[in-house]
Amino acid sequence: MTITETNYITAHFIDNERKNIHVLLKSDDGTSVYPYILEYNPDDPICQEFLKLCSLDQLHENTYTKKQEERKVFVSQIKKIAQKEGLIKHIIEEVNPKEINFNN
């Protein structure tokens, strides 16, 4: 599949070595989304064309953002499991320093 400005949605690295890129592409009619795995090889013509659409800096930024989103979902799931299993009773998302009294 050819990656074009018309069908490109987003992309991010999928491995720690930064050798493989997960690219999301939309179909010609725009009703479907397809994943495409692209090897990061700046010497490869397909990769060169892709990097014209998404710079290496943008690819790293997309990867960072994706990992942050995945971590947020993971932590949320862990909290829900811990509450359901009775390991914690109440989750405090933020602590107001004014509400903490160290002088009991």
C-alpha atoms as a PDB file:
ATOM      1  CA  MET A   1       0.000   0.000   0.000  1.00  0.00           C
ATOM      2  CA  THR A   2       1.267   3.436  -0.874  1.00  0.00           C
ATOM      3  CA  ILE A   3       1.428   6.022   1.890  1.00  0.00           C
ATOM      4  CA  THR A   4       0.141   9.383   0.707  1.00  0.00           C
ATOM      5  CA  GLU A   5      -0.919  12.661   2.255  1.00  0.00           C
ATOM      6  CA  THR A   6      -4.506  11.674   1.470  1.00  0.00           C
ATOM      7  CA  ASN A   7      -4.513   8.306   3.261  1.00  0.00           C
ATOM      8  CA  TYR A   8      -2.018   8.969   6.082  1.00  0.00           C
ATOM      9  CA  ILE A   9      -3.547   9.328   9.574  1.00  0.00           C
ATOM     10  CA  THR A  10      -0.743   8.889  12.120  1.00  0.00           C
ATOM     11  CA  ALA A  11       2.315   6.802  12.942  1.00  0.00           C
ATOM     12  CA  HIS A  12       4.559   5.811  15.848  1.00  0.00           C
ATOM     13  CA  PHE A  13       7.452   3.465  16.563  1.00  0.00           C
ATOM     14  CA  ILE A  14       6.414   0.086  17.945  1.00  0.00           C
ATOM     15  CA  ASP A  15       9.708  -1.171  19.333  1.00  0.00           C
ATOM     16  CA  ASN A  16      12.384   0.119  21.695  1.00  0.00           C
ATOM     17  CA  GLU A  17      15.026  -0.140  18.985  1.00  0.00           C
ATOM     18  CA  ARG A  18      12.998   2.269  16.824  1.00  0.00           C
ATOM     19  CA  LYS A  19      13.235  -0.040  13.810  1.00  0.00           C
ATOM     20  CA  ASN A  20       9.545  -0.529  13.027  1.00  0.00           C
ATOM     21  CA  ILE A  21       6.805   2.019  12.506  1.00  0.00           C
ATOM     22  CA  HIS A  22       3.077   1.427  12.931  1.00  0.00           C
ATOM     23  CA  VAL A  23       1.314   3.587  10.350  1.00  0.00           C
ATOM     24  CA  LEU A  24      -2.454   4.087  10.271  1.00  0.00           C
ATOM     25  CA  LEU A  25      -3.912   4.634   6.824  1.00  0.00           C
ATOM     26  CA  LYS A  26      -7.463   5.250   5.714  1.00  0.00           C
ATOM     27  CA  SER A  27      -9.058   3.535   2.750  1.00  0.00           C
ATOM     28  CA  ASP A  28      -9.663   5.364  -0.514  1.00  0.00           C
ATOM     29  CA  ASP A  29     -13.318   5.889   0.379  1.00  0.00           C
ATOM     30  CA  GLY A  30     -12.403   6.996   3.919  1.00  0.00           C
ATOM     31  CA  THR A  31     -14.620   4.430   5.636  1.00  0.00           C
ATOM     32  CA  SER A  32     -11.921   2.079   6.925  1.00  0.00           C
ATOM     33  CA  VAL A  33      -8.596   2.342   8.724  1.00  0.00           C
ATOM     34  CA  TYR A  34      -5.728  -0.016   7.994  1.00  0.00           C
ATOM     35  CA  PRO A  35      -2.532  -0.628   9.961  1.00  0.00           C
ATOM     36  CA  TYR A  36       0.712  -0.798   8.035  1.00  0.00           C
ATOM     37  CA  ILE A  37       4.075  -1.801   9.493  1.00  0.00           C
ATOM     38  CA  LEU A  38       7.005  -0.008   7.935  1.00  0.00           C
ATOM     39  CA  GLU A  39      10.640  -0.749   8.636  1.00  0.00           C
ATOM     40  CA  TYR A  40      12.527   2.405   9.564  1.00  0.00           C
ATOM     41  CA  ASN A  41      15.269   2.474   6.976  1.00  0.00           C
ATOM     42  CA  PRO A  42      16.148   5.944   5.682  1.00  0.00           C
ATOM     43  CA  ASP A  43      17.730   4.334   2.607  1.00  0.00           C
ATOM     44  CA  ASP A  44      14.483   2.645   1.587  1.00  0.00           C
ATOM     45  CA  PRO A  45      12.418   4.654  -0.950  1.00  0.00           C
ATOM     46  CA  ILE A  46       9.122   3.859   0.803  1.00  0.00           C
ATOM     47  CA  CYS A  47      10.516   5.076   4.117  1.00  0.00           C
ATOM     48  CA  GLN A  48      11.923   8.180   2.442  1.00  0.00           C
ATOM     49  CA  GLU A  49       8.495   9.035   1.027  1.00  0.00           C
ATOM     50  CA  PHE A  50       6.899   8.411   4.416  1.00  0.00           C
ATOM     51  CA  LEU A  51       9.374  10.728   6.163  1.00  0.00           C
ATOM     52  CA  LYS A  52       8.236  13.521   3.839  1.00  0.00           C
ATOM     53  CA  LEU A  53       4.769  13.169   5.407  1.00  0.00           C
ATOM     54  CA  CYS A  54       5.885  12.593   8.988  1.00  0.00           C
ATOM     55  CA  SER A  55       9.293  13.848  10.074  1.00  0.00           C
ATOM     56  CA  LEU A  56      11.502  11.792  12.349  1.00  0.00           C
ATOM     57  CA  ASP A  57      10.960  14.363  15.116  1.00  0.00           C
ATOM     58  CA  GLN A  58       7.192  14.078  14.714  1.00  0.00           C
ATOM     59  CA  LEU A  59       7.458  10.292  14.741  1.00  0.00           C
ATOM     60  CA  HIS A  60       9.334  10.410  18.054  1.00  0.00           C
ATOM     61  CA  GLU A  61       6.773  12.858  19.465  1.00  0.00           C
ATOM     62  CA  ASN A  62       3.902  10.604  18.335  1.00  0.00           C
ATOM     63  CA  THR A  63       5.612   7.634  19.972  1.00  0.00           C
ATOM     64  CA  TYR A  64       6.097   9.503  23.244  1.00  0.00           C
ATOM     65  CA  THR A  65       2.462  10.645  23.271  1.00  0.00           C
ATOM     66  CA  LYS A  66       1.214   7.132  22.470  1.00  0.00           C
ATOM     67  CA  LYS A  67       3.257   5.628  25.321  1.00  0.00           C
ATOM     68  CA  GLN A  68       1.983   8.277  27.759  1.00  0.00           C
ATOM     69  CA  GLU A  69      -1.614   7.495  26.761  1.00  0.00           C
ATOM     70  CA  GLU A  70      -1.006   3.754  27.143  1.00  0.00           C
ATOM     71  CA  ARG A  71       0.523   4.301  30.595  1.00  0.00           C
ATOM     72  CA  LYS A  72      -2.422   6.410  31.703  1.00  0.00           C
ATOM     73  CA  VAL A  73      -4.870   3.661  30.668  1.00  0.00           C
ATOM     74  CA  PHE A  74      -2.711   1.005  32.351  1.00  0.00           C
ATOM     75  CA  VAL A  75      -2.578   2.902  35.656  1.00  0.00           C
ATOM     76  CA  SER A  76      -6.331   3.481  35.522  1.00  0.00           C
ATOM     77  CA  GLN A  77      -6.947  -0.241  35.015  1.00  0.00           C
ATOM     78  CA  ILE A  78      -4.642  -1.142  37.915  1.00  0.00           C
ATOM     79  CA  LYS A  79      -6.505   1.273  40.206  1.00  0.00           C
ATOM     80  CA  LYS A  80      -9.874  -0.212  39.226  1.00  0.00           C
ATOM     81  CA  ILE A  81      -8.625  -3.746  39.849  1.00  0.00           C
ATOM     82  CA  ALA A  82      -7.158  -2.761  43.222  1.00  0.00           C
ATOM     83  CA  GLN A  83     -10.440  -1.157  44.283  1.00  0.00           C
ATOM     84  CA  LYS A  84     -12.501  -4.106  43.051  1.00  0.00           C
ATOM     85  CA  GLU A  85     -10.276  -6.580  44.897  1.00  0.00           C
ATOM     86  CA  GLY A  86     -10.475  -4.545  48.094  1.00  0.00           C
ATOM     87  CA  LEU A  87      -6.777  -3.723  48.114  1.00  0.00           C
ATOM     88  CA  ILE A  88      -7.561  -0.028  48.379  1.00  0.00           C
ATOM     89  CA  LYS A  89     -10.768   1.649  49.465  1.00  0.00           C
ATOM     90  CA  HIS A  90     -10.412   5.092  47.965  1.00  0.00           C
ATOM     91  CA  ILE A  91      -8.116   6.443  45.285  1.00  0.00           C
ATOM     92  CA  ILE A  92      -6.818   9.951  45.799  1.00  0.00           C
ATOM     93  CA  GLU A  93      -6.064  11.477  42.417  1.00  0.00           C
ATOM     94  CA  GLU A  94      -4.632  14.716  43.771  1.00  0.00           C
ATOM     95  CA  VAL A  95      -3.460  15.714  47.214  1.00  0.00           C
ATOM     96  CA  ASN A  96      -4.013  19.241  48.423  1.00  0.00           C
ATOM     97  CA  PRO A  97      -1.019  20.128  50.643  1.00  0.00           C
ATOM     98  CA  LYS A  98      -3.318  22.347  52.760  1.00  0.00           C
ATOM     99  CA  GLU A  99      -5.316  19.264  53.784  1.00  0.00           C
ATOM    100  CA  ILE A 100      -2.306  17.412  55.163  1.00  0.00           C
ATOM    101  CA  ASN A 101      -1.510  17.976  58.820  1.00  0.00           C
ATOM    102  CA  PHE A 102       1.860  16.628  59.937  1.00  0.00           C
ATOM    103  CA  ASN A 103       1.529  18.097  63.460  1.00  0.00           C
ATOM    104  CA  ASN A 104      -0.821  15.677  65.196  1.00  0.00           C
END
